[in-house]
């Protein structure tokens, strides 16, 4: 259990601040994460690892010579926002470009992809290297759909060493993708992890069982099996990983050389890992492999989860040299790092990232500013409703995901409400108020739902603008813009078991009812009914997108939390939005 915290909502921020203070000789905090204490004296590629908190030493613990130049740090198990990624990248970039490297999760892909586009527009070249080492999460024929777990470390290490050798951005990216293609991991969990402030773990296993095929975000294993002996577990892990050996592993007839990581997930003792290694190592050698500089310990964790994973990376001469290269970080050291020339220390401030919610004022009408007040009131109603549903949404998400959906939605809606109030106080019209709310939602919530809700709200604001008060048709057009932006960004379709399953029926019913001439109140009521029914019906679907996809069977019988929260938010928004339009019509 995670026992030490103040306000659980601040746990990740406070942990990062404490880490940066302890290791102030090597790292410094910047908005959105941390970077090396000193910038390089001459340009080098900046390797930026990233993802949610809760995985220490990943990601901030790997900042230093020979490894990462910085880490973009989200909330617990939640993708950092695009804004956070941009801020860290600007602090770490030294003239040779940046490369974001992270596990293959939908929220990370969206947010780091958006950040790369924004940086490119500023003249900073940015690339992305995804890690897909988890053999349990998809078949070999669909390796691009696999998630990244402890194999992250192999990829980070190879890229960090390549960048330290002053290879250019294209070469660093090539090496990262090569390391990923040659790395495989299989893991198992003995018990679930517990969020700060929670009184129970995200999942429980039957007595005397373990969950084989775990994720690192608190997800349960893909299947529960009887708890084996150490020897039996070692054989299961070794056979599972070696079955995925690259086709060219023995191409030259020599004994293949491999890097091996036996990784503890948070509560597994080192002594237990050593007992397991005593089985794993002989099995690997019996299979004809030569082990190169193995690592046994904690490199990629999942809060306090009890579990273990085995990672094997098939080395060639190039990758072996990078695997063995020196490194010095707060959590990992290898060899002696030569002192490199460094530029004078720079400071760009610390503390949590903050979205610049109020920008240059766009022209707005008095009527739109009045309607903006109703938008703020509606966001307040949505935020309050999400606070009521936080635990329920988290429990839904924990069945086949990481259990953070309720907390992320509360954080996002609360930030959106604060930004909307600030924009309203600054005299902005309704469109700008909603756009500011969307940007803040995306930044504070992070993750997949954060970026989707943020982009959707911004699109809604752009649709209604700052000059006119929308009538029923204008409201329907705003919802359609919200839905179109989410569909374009997320790529999900009805039936994938995502928030789109509730959004499409809502938008379709609302637009159709308005076209038929029904009142906005009646149209919104119909749309809410359609969304709520569709959200409930997702209990019978298998997820085809996101973190729940590998656990599709366990998800059956539980509604999708994203669809459920969307239906609840629109139900909360309705009375205020309808009343504001009716008041304008009466006036």
Protein backbone atom coordinates (compact mmCIF):
# COMPACT_ATOMS: atom_id res chain seq x y z
CA UNK A 1 0.00 0.00 0.00
CA UNK A 2 1.16 3.56 -0.77
CA UNK A 3 0.97 5.04 2.72
CA UNK A 4 2.91 8.31 2.67
CA UNK A 5 1.08 11.26 1.12
CA UNK A 6 -0.51 14.59 1.90
CA UNK A 7 -3.26 15.36 -0.57
CA UNK A 8 -3.25 12.29 -2.86
CA UNK A 9 -3.98 14.54 -5.83
CA UNK A 10 -0.60 16.23 -5.27
CA UNK A 11 1.39 13.02 -4.78
CA UNK A 12 3.09 12.99 -8.19
CA UNK A 13 4.01 16.68 -8.06
CA UNK A 14 5.41 16.41 -4.54
CA UNK A 15 7.36 13.25 -5.37
CA UNK A 16 8.99 14.95 -8.36
CA UNK A 17 9.90 18.00 -6.29
CA UNK A 18 11.47 15.82 -3.59
CA UNK A 19 13.39 13.78 -6.15
CA UNK A 20 14.80 16.91 -7.78
CA UNK A 21 15.89 18.28 -4.41
CA UNK A 22 17.66 15.08 -3.41
CA UNK A 23 19.47 14.84 -6.73
CA UNK A 24 20.06 18.54 -7.33
CA UNK A 25 23.64 17.82 -8.41
CA UNK A 26 22.35 15.93 -11.47
CA UNK A 27 18.86 17.21 -12.28
CA UNK A 28 16.73 20.31 -12.04
CA UNK A 29 12.97 20.60 -12.12
CA UNK A 30 11.26 22.42 -14.96
CA UNK A 31 7.54 22.79 -15.65
CA UNK A 32 6.33 19.39 -16.77
CA UNK A 33 9.24 17.31 -15.53
CA UNK A 34 13.01 17.51 -15.09
CA UNK A 35 16.18 17.89 -17.17
CA UNK A 36 19.91 17.55 -16.62
CA UNK A 37 21.39 20.09 -14.24
CA UNK A 38 23.64 21.51 -16.97
CA UNK A 39 23.05 21.88 -20.67
CA UNK A 40 25.76 20.57 -23.04
CA UNK A 41 28.32 23.10 -24.20
CA UNK A 42 27.80 22.11 -27.82
CA UNK A 43 24.71 20.72 -29.58
CA UNK A 44 23.68 17.13 -28.91
CA UNK A 45 20.43 15.29 -29.44
CA UNK A 46 18.19 15.52 -26.37
CA UNK A 47 16.73 12.13 -25.46
CA UNK A 48 13.53 12.68 -23.50
CA UNK A 49 11.91 9.72 -21.76
CA UNK A 50 8.33 10.18 -20.72
CA UNK A 51 5.13 8.83 -19.27
CA UNK A 52 3.11 8.83 -16.10
CA UNK A 53 4.44 8.83 -12.55
CA UNK A 54 4.52 5.71 -10.40
CA UNK A 55 7.29 3.89 -12.30
CA UNK A 56 10.47 5.07 -10.53
CA UNK A 57 13.30 4.81 -11.49
CA UNK A 58 11.55 5.40 -14.80
CA UNK A 59 11.46 8.08 -15.93
CA UNK A 60 13.13 10.91 -14.02
CA UNK A 61 15.57 8.57 -12.26
CA UNK A 62 17.24 7.91 -15.61
CA UNK A 63 18.25 11.52 -16.33
CA UNK A 64 22.01 11.91 -16.65
CA UNK A 65 25.12 11.32 -18.72
CA UNK A 66 24.77 8.36 -21.05
CA UNK A 67 21.03 8.12 -20.65
CA UNK A 68 18.19 10.66 -20.76
CA UNK A 69 18.56 14.41 -21.10
CA UNK A 70 15.18 14.94 -19.50
CA UNK A 71 11.92 13.30 -18.46
CA UNK A 72 8.37 14.42 -19.12
CA UNK A 73 6.35 13.42 -16.08
CA UNK A 74 2.58 13.00 -15.96
CA UNK A 75 0.29 12.22 -13.07
CA UNK A 76 0.26 8.65 -11.71
CA UNK A 77 -0.06 6.23 -14.65
CA UNK A 78 -1.28 9.11 -16.83
CA UNK A 79 0.32 10.45 -19.97
CA UNK A 80 1.84 13.91 -19.58
CA UNK A 81 0.20 16.61 -21.66
CA UNK A 82 1.52 18.03 -24.91
CA UNK A 83 2.17 21.29 -23.08
CA UNK A 84 4.37 19.52 -20.52
CA UNK A 85 6.27 17.72 -23.28
CA UNK A 86 6.91 21.00 -25.12
CA UNK A 87 8.12 22.74 -21.97
CA UNK A 88 10.60 20.00 -21.07
CA UNK A 89 11.80 19.78 -24.67
CA UNK A 90 12.52 23.52 -24.81
CA UNK A 91 14.51 23.28 -21.57
CA UNK A 92 16.59 20.30 -22.77
CA UNK A 93 17.10 21.14 -26.47
CA UNK A 94 20.61 22.37 -27.32
CA UNK A 95 20.49 22.74 -31.08
CA UNK A 96 20.49 19.15 -32.39
CA UNK A 97 16.81 18.30 -31.97
CA UNK A 98 14.88 16.17 -29.49
CA UNK A 99 13.51 12.64 -29.50
CA UNK A 100 10.64 11.60 -27.25
CA UNK A 101 10.74 7.93 -26.27
CA UNK A 102 7.94 6.21 -24.37
CA UNK A 103 5.73 3.14 -24.09
CA UNK A 104 3.09 2.53 -26.75
CA UNK A 105 -0.02 3.88 -25.01
CA UNK A 106 -2.71 5.91 -26.74
CA UNK A 107 -2.44 8.97 -24.49
CA UNK A 108 1.34 9.11 -24.82
CA UNK A 109 1.17 8.71 -28.59
CA UNK A 110 -1.35 11.54 -28.91
CA UNK A 111 0.31 13.96 -26.53
CA UNK A 112 3.89 13.46 -27.64
CA UNK A 113 2.75 13.56 -31.26
CA UNK A 114 1.01 16.90 -30.71
CA UNK A 115 4.07 18.21 -28.88
CA UNK A 116 6.29 17.22 -31.80
CA UNK A 117 4.07 19.16 -34.20
CA UNK A 118 4.16 22.26 -32.00
CA UNK A 119 7.94 22.08 -31.60
CA UNK A 120 8.41 21.67 -35.35
CA UNK A 121 6.36 24.83 -35.88
CA UNK A 122 8.83 26.61 -33.58
CA UNK A 123 11.82 25.33 -35.55
CA UNK A 124 12.78 22.50 -33.15
CA UNK A 125 13.00 19.14 -34.86
CA UNK A 126 11.32 16.44 -32.79
CA UNK A 127 11.04 12.69 -33.38
CA UNK A 128 9.30 9.87 -31.52
CA UNK A 129 10.44 6.32 -30.67
CA UNK A 130 7.75 4.03 -29.24
CA UNK A 131 8.57 0.98 -27.14
CA UNK A 132 6.57 -2.19 -27.88
CA UNK A 133 8.33 -4.97 -25.96
CA UNK A 134 5.43 -6.67 -24.13
CA UNK A 135 4.91 -10.03 -25.84
CA UNK A 136 1.69 -10.70 -23.91
CA UNK A 137 -0.22 -7.66 -25.17
CA UNK A 138 -0.55 -8.61 -28.85
CA UNK A 139 0.57 -11.42 -31.16
CA UNK A 140 3.86 -11.15 -33.03
CA UNK A 141 2.03 -10.38 -36.28
CA UNK A 142 0.65 -7.26 -34.60
CA UNK A 143 3.81 -6.19 -32.79
CA UNK A 144 3.07 -2.52 -33.49
CA UNK A 145 0.08 -2.79 -31.12
CA UNK A 146 2.13 -4.10 -28.20
CA UNK A 147 2.61 -1.93 -25.12
CA UNK A 148 5.92 -0.87 -23.67
CA UNK A 149 6.97 -2.14 -20.24
CA UNK A 150 10.42 -2.83 -18.78
CA UNK A 151 12.00 -3.00 -22.23
CA UNK A 152 11.76 0.80 -22.08
CA UNK A 153 15.08 0.77 -20.26
CA UNK A 154 16.97 -1.03 -23.04
CA UNK A 155 15.72 1.45 -25.63
CA UNK A 156 16.44 4.47 -23.42
CA UNK A 157 19.95 3.19 -22.69
CA UNK A 158 20.81 2.61 -26.34
CA UNK A 159 19.50 5.99 -27.42
CA UNK A 160 21.12 7.83 -24.53
CA UNK A 161 24.52 6.34 -25.27
CA UNK A 162 24.15 7.12 -28.97
CA UNK A 163 23.27 10.73 -28.24
CA UNK A 164 26.15 11.03 -25.78
CA UNK A 165 28.47 9.90 -28.61
CA UNK A 166 27.15 12.89 -30.59
CA UNK A 167 25.34 10.86 -33.25
CA UNK A 168 22.77 12.93 -35.11
CA UNK A 169 19.01 12.77 -34.60
CA UNK A 170 18.33 10.34 -37.45
CA UNK A 171 20.95 7.94 -36.12
CA UNK A 172 19.67 8.14 -32.53
CA UNK A 173 16.14 7.40 -33.76
CA UNK A 174 17.37 4.51 -35.93
CA UNK A 175 19.20 2.97 -32.98
CA UNK A 176 16.21 3.37 -30.69
CA UNK A 177 13.90 1.61 -33.13
CA UNK A 178 16.47 -1.11 -33.71
CA UNK A 179 16.80 -1.71 -29.96
CA UNK A 180 13.03 -1.87 -29.64
CA UNK A 181 12.73 -4.36 -32.51
CA UNK A 182 15.19 -6.67 -30.72
CA UNK A 183 13.73 -6.44 -27.19
CA UNK A 184 11.05 -8.68 -25.63
CA UNK A 185 9.46 -8.72 -22.15
CA UNK A 186 7.03 -10.94 -20.26
CA UNK A 187 5.83 -10.14 -16.75
CA UNK A 188 3.61 -11.40 -13.97
CA UNK A 189 1.90 -9.84 -10.94
CA UNK A 190 1.40 -11.32 -7.49
CA UNK A 191 -0.78 -8.46 -6.18
CA UNK A 192 -2.17 -5.15 -7.37
CA UNK A 193 -0.82 -1.71 -6.57
CA UNK A 194 -2.63 0.91 -4.49
CA UNK A 195 -3.02 4.56 -5.43
CA UNK A 196 -2.09 7.17 -2.79
CA UNK A 197 -5.15 7.78 -0.64
CA UNK A 198 -6.86 4.54 -1.72
CA UNK A 199 -7.63 1.82 0.81
CA UNK A 200 -7.57 -1.11 -1.62
CA UNK A 201 -5.44 -2.20 -4.57
CA UNK A 202 -6.58 -1.73 -8.16
CA UNK A 203 -7.14 -5.46 -8.53
CA UNK A 204 -7.08 -8.59 -6.40
CA UNK A 205 -6.01 -12.09 -7.39
CA UNK A 206 -7.58 -15.36 -6.30
CA UNK A 207 -5.76 -16.89 -3.34
CA UNK A 208 -2.65 -18.75 -4.46
CA UNK A 209 -2.65 -17.29 -7.99
CA UNK A 210 -0.66 -14.78 -10.04
CA UNK A 211 -1.62 -12.68 -13.06
CA UNK A 212 0.52 -13.58 -16.09
CA UNK A 213 1.02 -10.88 -18.72
CA UNK A 214 0.87 -7.75 -16.56
CA UNK A 215 1.09 -4.10 -17.58
CA UNK A 216 2.94 -1.41 -15.65
CA UNK A 217 -0.05 0.85 -15.03
CA UNK A 218 -1.71 -1.25 -12.40
CA UNK A 219 -3.45 -3.45 -14.95
CA UNK A 220 -4.04 -7.05 -13.90
CA UNK A 221 -2.45 -9.88 -15.83
CA UNK A 222 -4.07 -11.26 -18.94
CA UNK A 223 -4.86 -14.53 -17.19
CA UNK A 224 -4.72 -15.84 -13.64
CA UNK A 225 -2.69 -19.00 -13.07
CA UNK A 226 -1.75 -20.94 -9.93
CA UNK A 227 1.27 -19.47 -8.17
CA UNK A 228 4.29 -21.56 -9.23
CA UNK A 229 7.62 -22.24 -7.57
CA UNK A 230 10.54 -19.99 -8.49
CA UNK A 231 11.87 -22.67 -10.83
CA UNK A 232 8.53 -23.03 -12.57
CA UNK A 233 8.11 -19.26 -12.86
CA UNK A 234 11.60 -18.87 -14.27
CA UNK A 235 10.89 -21.46 -16.93
CA UNK A 236 7.59 -19.81 -17.86
CA UNK A 237 9.22 -16.41 -18.29
CA UNK A 238 12.24 -17.69 -20.19
CA UNK A 239 10.20 -19.85 -22.55
CA UNK A 240 7.73 -17.03 -23.17
CA UNK A 241 10.43 -14.53 -24.08
CA UNK A 242 12.67 -16.84 -26.09
CA UNK A 243 9.71 -17.96 -28.17
CA UNK A 244 9.79 -14.41 -29.56
CA UNK A 245 13.48 -14.38 -30.57
CA UNK A 246 14.21 -12.27 -33.67
CA UNK A 247 14.56 -14.27 -36.87
CA UNK A 248 18.24 -13.38 -37.22
CA UNK A 249 19.18 -14.23 -33.62
CA UNK A 250 21.52 -17.04 -34.75
CA UNK A 251 22.26 -15.84 -38.26
CA UNK A 252 26.06 -16.15 -37.99
CA UNK A 253 26.11 -19.47 -36.15
CA UNK A 254 27.70 -18.04 -32.99
CA UNK A 255 26.20 -18.00 -29.51
CA UNK A 256 23.85 -15.00 -29.47
CA UNK A 257 24.70 -12.34 -26.92
CA UNK A 258 21.82 -10.88 -24.96
CA UNK A 259 21.16 -8.11 -22.47
CA UNK A 260 18.85 -9.32 -19.70
CA UNK A 261 16.78 -7.44 -17.13
CA UNK A 262 15.00 -9.20 -14.28
CA UNK A 263 12.83 -6.35 -13.06
CA UNK A 264 10.92 -5.95 -9.80
CA UNK A 265 7.63 -4.07 -10.04
CA UNK A 266 7.73 -2.30 -6.68
CA UNK A 267 7.26 -4.72 -3.78
CA UNK A 268 9.24 -7.76 -4.85
CA UNK A 269 12.36 -8.09 -2.72
CA UNK A 270 15.81 -8.24 -4.26
CA UNK A 271 16.37 -11.57 -2.54
CA UNK A 272 13.34 -12.97 -4.34
CA UNK A 273 14.70 -11.69 -7.65
CA UNK A 274 18.05 -13.35 -6.94
CA UNK A 275 16.29 -16.66 -6.25
CA UNK A 276 14.49 -16.34 -9.57
CA UNK A 277 17.70 -15.35 -11.37
CA UNK A 278 19.25 -18.60 -10.18
CA UNK A 279 16.75 -20.34 -12.45
CA UNK A 280 16.56 -17.79 -15.28
CA UNK A 281 20.29 -17.49 -15.97
CA UNK A 282 21.01 -21.25 -16.34
CA UNK A 283 18.00 -21.65 -18.62
CA UNK A 284 19.19 -18.84 -20.88
CA UNK A 285 22.69 -20.31 -21.00
CA UNK A 286 21.34 -23.80 -21.68
CA UNK A 287 19.44 -22.30 -24.62
CA UNK A 288 22.80 -21.23 -26.05
CA UNK A 289 22.85 -17.57 -25.07
CA UNK A 290 25.68 -15.52 -23.59
CA UNK A 291 24.44 -12.99 -21.04
CA UNK A 292 26.01 -9.51 -21.20
CA UNK A 293 25.94 -7.22 -18.15
CA UNK A 294 22.60 -8.38 -16.68
CA UNK A 295 20.50 -6.12 -14.48
CA UNK A 296 18.53 -7.54 -11.54
CA UNK A 297 16.53 -5.00 -9.54
CA UNK A 298 13.97 -2.27 -10.01
CA UNK A 299 14.17 -0.26 -13.23
CA UNK A 300 10.51 0.15 -14.28
CA UNK A 301 8.01 -0.23 -11.43
CA UNK A 302 4.28 0.11 -10.85
CA UNK A 303 3.94 1.89 -7.47
CA UNK A 304 3.82 -0.89 -4.86
CA UNK A 305 2.85 -3.76 -7.16
CA UNK A 306 4.31 -7.13 -6.26
CA UNK A 307 5.49 -8.63 -9.51
CA UNK A 308 8.39 -9.36 -11.79
CA UNK A 309 9.22 -9.13 -15.49
CA UNK A 310 11.92 -10.65 -17.66
CA UNK A 311 13.36 -8.63 -20.53
CA UNK A 312 15.76 -9.96 -23.16
CA UNK A 313 17.39 -7.80 -25.83
CA UNK A 314 19.27 -9.55 -28.65
CA UNK A 315 22.51 -7.65 -29.16
CA UNK A 316 24.69 -7.06 -32.15
CA UNK A 317 28.06 -5.32 -32.03
CA UNK A 318 26.49 -1.86 -32.23
CA UNK A 319 23.85 -2.43 -29.55
CA UNK A 320 26.28 -4.20 -27.22
CA UNK A 321 28.64 -1.24 -27.28
CA UNK A 322 25.74 1.09 -26.40
CA UNK A 323 24.43 -1.27 -23.70
CA UNK A 324 27.87 -1.31 -22.03
CA UNK A 325 28.55 2.42 -22.44
CA UNK A 326 29.04 4.43 -19.21
CA UNK A 327 26.09 6.19 -17.60
CA UNK A 328 25.56 8.23 -14.46
CA UNK A 329 22.02 9.01 -13.31
CA UNK A 330 20.32 9.16 -9.90
CA UNK A 331 19.10 5.57 -10.23
CA UNK A 332 21.53 3.87 -12.60
CA UNK A 333 25.29 3.99 -12.93
CA UNK A 334 27.63 2.02 -15.15
CA UNK A 335 31.36 2.51 -15.58
CA UNK A 336 33.11 5.86 -15.32
CA UNK A 337 31.57 8.80 -17.12
CA UNK A 338 34.14 11.22 -18.54
CA UNK A 339 33.51 14.82 -17.61
CA UNK A 340 31.98 16.56 -20.61
CA UNK A 341 32.14 20.31 -21.21
CA UNK A 342 28.94 21.92 -20.00
CA UNK A 343 27.39 25.27 -20.57
CA UNK A 344 26.72 27.59 -17.68
CA UNK A 345 23.83 26.46 -15.55
CA UNK A 346 20.50 27.90 -16.62
CA UNK A 347 17.25 28.19 -14.75
CA UNK A 348 13.81 28.21 -16.30
CA UNK A 349 11.82 27.94 -13.10
CA UNK A 350 10.34 24.98 -11.34
CA UNK A 351 7.03 23.79 -10.08
CA UNK A 352 4.07 22.36 -11.96
CA UNK A 353 3.37 23.21 -15.58
CA UNK A 354 0.74 25.85 -16.19
CA UNK A 355 -1.15 26.46 -19.40
CA UNK A 356 -1.20 30.11 -20.49
CA UNK A 357 -4.97 30.11 -20.43
CA UNK A 358 -5.50 33.79 -21.20
CA UNK A 359 -3.88 35.01 -24.40
CA UNK A 360 -4.32 38.10 -26.57
CA UNK A 361 -7.97 39.13 -26.47
CA UNK A 362 -10.13 38.37 -29.49
CA UNK A 363 -12.99 40.78 -30.25
CA UNK A 364 -16.06 39.78 -28.29
CA UNK A 365 -19.61 41.03 -27.91
CA UNK A 366 -21.43 41.80 -24.69
CA UNK A 367 -23.91 39.07 -25.52
CA UNK A 368 -21.16 36.49 -25.98
CA UNK A 369 -19.55 37.52 -22.72
CA UNK A 370 -22.89 37.00 -21.04
CA UNK A 371 -23.18 33.56 -22.58
CA UNK A 372 -19.62 32.84 -21.46
CA UNK A 373 -20.83 33.11 -17.87
CA UNK A 374 -23.33 30.34 -18.60
CA UNK A 375 -20.50 28.22 -20.06
CA UNK A 376 -18.56 28.64 -16.83
CA UNK A 377 -21.63 27.66 -14.82
CA UNK A 378 -22.09 24.57 -17.00
CA UNK A 379 -18.47 23.56 -16.53
CA UNK A 380 -18.97 23.95 -12.79
CA UNK A 381 -21.92 21.56 -12.90
CA UNK A 382 -19.87 19.05 -14.89
CA UNK A 383 -16.94 19.32 -12.49
CA UNK A 384 -19.20 18.73 -9.50
CA UNK A 385 -20.80 15.70 -11.14
CA UNK A 386 -17.43 14.17 -11.93
CA UNK A 387 -16.33 14.59 -8.32
CA UNK A 388 -19.39 12.58 -7.29
CA UNK A 389 -18.53 9.85 -9.80
CA UNK A 390 -14.75 9.74 -9.27
CA UNK A 391 -14.64 6.51 -7.26
CA UNK A 392 -17.16 4.75 -9.49
CA UNK A 393 -15.31 5.69 -12.66
CA UNK A 394 -12.00 4.61 -11.14
CA UNK A 395 -13.44 1.22 -10.20
CA UNK A 396 -14.72 0.71 -13.76
CA UNK A 397 -11.33 1.62 -15.17
CA UNK A 398 -9.48 -0.71 -12.80
CA UNK A 399 -11.23 -3.80 -14.16
CA UNK A 400 -9.12 -3.79 -17.32
CA UNK A 401 -7.13 -0.56 -17.12
CA UNK A 402 -5.13 1.48 -14.67
CA UNK A 403 -7.93 2.86 -12.49
CA UNK A 404 -7.09 6.52 -13.06
CA UNK A 405 -10.02 7.63 -15.22
CA UNK A 406 -12.08 9.15 -12.42
CA UNK A 407 -9.13 11.05 -10.99
CA UNK A 408 -8.03 12.27 -14.42
CA UNK A 409 -11.51 13.53 -15.30
CA UNK A 410 -11.80 15.36 -11.99
CA UNK A 411 -8.40 16.99 -12.48
CA UNK A 412 -9.21 17.95 -16.04
CA UNK A 413 -12.64 19.38 -15.33
CA UNK A 414 -11.38 21.29 -12.31
CA UNK A 415 -8.58 22.85 -14.33
CA UNK A 416 -11.00 23.67 -17.14
CA UNK A 417 -13.33 25.41 -14.71
CA UNK A 418 -10.50 27.50 -13.26
CA UNK A 419 -9.23 28.51 -16.71
CA UNK A 420 -12.73 29.35 -17.89
CA UNK A 421 -13.30 31.62 -14.89
CA UNK A 422 -9.99 33.34 -15.52
CA UNK A 423 -10.87 33.92 -19.17
CA UNK A 424 -14.33 35.20 -18.22
CA UNK A 425 -12.86 37.63 -15.70
CA UNK A 426 -10.52 38.88 -18.43
CA UNK A 427 -13.55 39.77 -20.60
CA UNK A 428 -13.33 36.94 -23.12
CA UNK A 429 -16.27 35.76 -25.18
CA UNK A 430 -17.81 32.31 -24.96
CA UNK A 431 -15.66 30.74 -27.67
CA UNK A 432 -12.43 31.87 -26.04
CA UNK A 433 -13.66 30.74 -22.63
CA UNK A 434 -14.33 27.22 -23.93
CA UNK A 435 -11.01 27.14 -25.78
CA UNK A 436 -9.13 28.14 -22.62
CA UNK A 437 -11.04 25.48 -20.69
CA UNK A 438 -10.07 22.87 -23.26
CA UNK A 439 -6.38 23.75 -23.15
CA UNK A 440 -6.36 23.56 -19.36
CA UNK A 441 -8.27 20.27 -19.34
CA UNK A 442 -5.75 18.68 -21.70
CA UNK A 443 -2.79 19.96 -19.73
CA UNK A 444 -3.95 19.05 -16.26
CA UNK A 445 -5.67 15.74 -16.97
CA UNK A 446 -3.10 14.35 -19.40
CA UNK A 447 -3.71 10.89 -20.79
CA UNK A 448 -5.99 9.91 -23.64
CA UNK A 449 -9.20 11.33 -22.20
CA UNK A 450 -7.45 14.58 -21.31
CA UNK A 451 -6.18 15.30 -24.79
CA UNK A 452 -9.51 14.30 -26.36
CA UNK A 453 -11.68 16.39 -24.04
CA UNK A 454 -9.29 19.30 -24.36
CA UNK A 455 -9.30 19.21 -28.14
CA UNK A 456 -13.05 18.73 -28.23
CA UNK A 457 -13.79 21.72 -26.00
CA UNK A 458 -11.46 23.91 -28.02
CA UNK A 459 -13.26 22.85 -31.23
CA UNK A 460 -16.62 23.65 -29.61
CA UNK A 461 -15.35 27.09 -28.65
CA UNK A 462 -14.00 27.75 -32.14
CA UNK A 463 -17.40 26.76 -33.55
CA UNK A 464 -19.45 29.25 -31.51
CA UNK A 465 -16.94 32.12 -31.57
CA UNK A 466 -16.94 35.27 -29.44
CA UNK A 467 -19.56 37.42 -31.12
CA UNK A 468 -22.91 35.64 -31.19
CA UNK A 469 -24.97 33.63 -28.72
CA UNK A 470 -25.67 30.27 -30.35
CA UNK A 471 -29.25 29.17 -30.95
CA UNK A 472 -30.27 25.51 -30.94
CA UNK A 473 -28.66 24.95 -34.35
CA UNK A 474 -25.48 26.65 -33.15
CA UNK A 475 -25.35 24.43 -30.06
CA UNK A 476 -25.79 21.34 -32.22
CA UNK A 477 -23.04 22.58 -34.54
CA UNK A 478 -20.73 23.06 -31.55
CA UNK A 479 -21.35 19.50 -30.37
CA UNK A 480 -20.72 18.25 -33.90
CA UNK A 481 -17.39 20.12 -33.97
CA UNK A 482 -16.53 18.59 -30.57
CA UNK A 483 -17.28 15.10 -31.89
CA UNK A 484 -15.47 15.59 -35.19
CA UNK A 485 -12.28 16.80 -33.50
CA UNK A 486 -12.26 13.83 -31.12
CA UNK A 487 -12.90 11.36 -33.94
CA UNK A 488 -10.08 12.82 -36.03
CA UNK A 489 -7.61 12.83 -33.13
CA UNK A 490 -8.40 9.52 -31.47
CA UNK A 491 -9.37 7.42 -34.47
CA UNK A 492 -11.90 5.34 -32.51
CA UNK A 493 -15.16 4.12 -34.04
CA UNK A 494 -18.44 3.07 -32.41
CA UNK A 495 -17.97 -0.45 -31.13
CA UNK A 496 -14.35 0.07 -30.05
CA UNK A 497 -15.52 0.53 -26.43
CA UNK A 498 -14.42 4.13 -25.92
CA UNK A 499 -16.12 7.42 -25.18
CA UNK A 500 -17.02 7.55 -28.89
CA UNK A 501 -19.67 4.90 -28.23
CA UNK A 502 -21.63 7.46 -26.20
CA UNK A 503 -20.55 10.56 -28.13
CA UNK A 504 -21.76 9.48 -31.58
CA UNK A 505 -25.34 8.66 -30.44
CA UNK A 506 -25.47 11.93 -28.47
CA UNK A 507 -24.33 14.05 -31.42
CA UNK A 508 -26.53 12.19 -33.92
CA UNK A 509 -29.67 12.43 -31.78
CA UNK A 510 -29.11 16.08 -30.86
CA UNK A 511 -28.47 17.18 -34.44
CA UNK A 512 -31.42 15.18 -35.78
CA UNK A 513 -33.86 16.49 -33.18
CA UNK A 514 -32.83 20.10 -33.78
CA UNK A 515 -33.22 19.66 -37.56
CA UNK A 516 -36.72 18.28 -36.94
CA UNK A 517 -37.56 21.50 -35.12
CA UNK A 518 -37.75 20.13 -31.58
CA UNK A 519 -36.89 22.47 -28.75
CA UNK A 520 -33.31 22.46 -27.53
CA UNK A 521 -34.49 21.16 -24.16
CA UNK A 522 -36.27 18.20 -25.70
CA UNK A 523 -33.42 17.55 -28.15
CA UNK A 524 -30.83 17.56 -25.37
CA UNK A 525 -32.97 15.23 -23.29
CA UNK A 526 -33.24 12.77 -26.18
CA UNK A 527 -29.52 12.97 -26.81
CA UNK A 528 -28.69 12.30 -23.16
CA UNK A 529 -30.94 9.26 -23.16
CA UNK A 530 -29.20 7.90 -26.24
CA UNK A 531 -25.75 8.49 -24.75
CA UNK A 532 -26.62 6.88 -21.42
CA UNK A 533 -28.09 3.82 -23.13
CA UNK A 534 -25.07 3.49 -25.40
CA UNK A 535 -22.67 3.85 -22.47
CA UNK A 536 -24.46 1.10 -20.57
CA UNK A 537 -24.39 -1.11 -23.66
CA UNK A 538 -20.59 -0.94 -23.80
CA UNK A 539 -20.60 -3.54 -21.03
CA UNK A 540 -21.15 -6.11 -23.77
CA UNK A 541 -18.24 -4.91 -25.90
CA UNK A 542 -14.59 -5.92 -26.02
CA UNK A 543 -12.23 -2.93 -26.10
CA UNK A 544 -10.35 -2.46 -29.36
CA UNK A 545 -8.43 0.66 -28.33
CA UNK A 546 -6.41 1.87 -25.36
CA UNK A 547 -4.94 0.16 -22.32
CA UNK A 548 -7.96 -2.08 -21.78
CA UNK A 549 -7.50 -3.80 -25.17
CA UNK A 550 -5.08 -6.52 -23.96
CA UNK A 551 -7.55 -7.36 -21.17
CA UNK A 552 -10.60 -7.52 -23.41
CA UNK A 553 -12.14 -10.59 -21.77
CA UNK A 554 -11.89 -9.10 -18.28
CA UNK A 555 -13.57 -5.95 -19.56
CA UNK A 556 -16.71 -7.82 -20.60
CA UNK A 557 -19.58 -7.02 -18.27
CA UNK A 558 -18.23 -3.61 -17.24
CA UNK A 559 -19.26 -0.41 -19.07
CA UNK A 560 -16.54 1.74 -20.56
CA UNK A 561 -15.59 4.49 -18.08
CA UNK A 562 -14.93 7.02 -20.86
CA UNK A 563 -18.38 6.53 -22.38
CA UNK A 564 -19.95 6.61 -18.91
CA UNK A 565 -18.23 9.85 -17.92
CA UNK A 566 -19.08 11.52 -21.23
CA UNK A 567 -22.77 10.73 -20.82
CA UNK A 568 -22.67 12.08 -17.25
CA UNK A 569 -20.89 15.30 -18.28
CA UNK A 570 -23.37 16.08 -21.04
CA UNK A 571 -26.26 15.40 -18.69
CA UNK A 572 -24.75 17.88 -16.22
CA UNK A 573 -24.13 20.52 -18.89
CA UNK A 574 -27.62 20.33 -20.32
CA UNK A 575 -29.79 22.32 -17.89
CA UNK A 576 -27.45 25.32 -17.93
CA UNK A 577 -26.89 25.31 -21.70
CA UNK A 578 -30.60 24.94 -22.44
CA UNK A 579 -31.59 27.66 -19.96
CA UNK A 580 -29.05 30.11 -21.42
CA UNK A 581 -30.38 29.67 -24.96
CA UNK A 582 -34.01 29.91 -23.83
CA UNK A 583 -33.20 33.10 -21.91
CA UNK A 584 -31.61 34.62 -25.02
CA UNK A 585 -34.65 33.68 -27.15
CA UNK A 586 -36.99 35.25 -24.57
CA UNK A 587 -34.93 38.42 -24.53
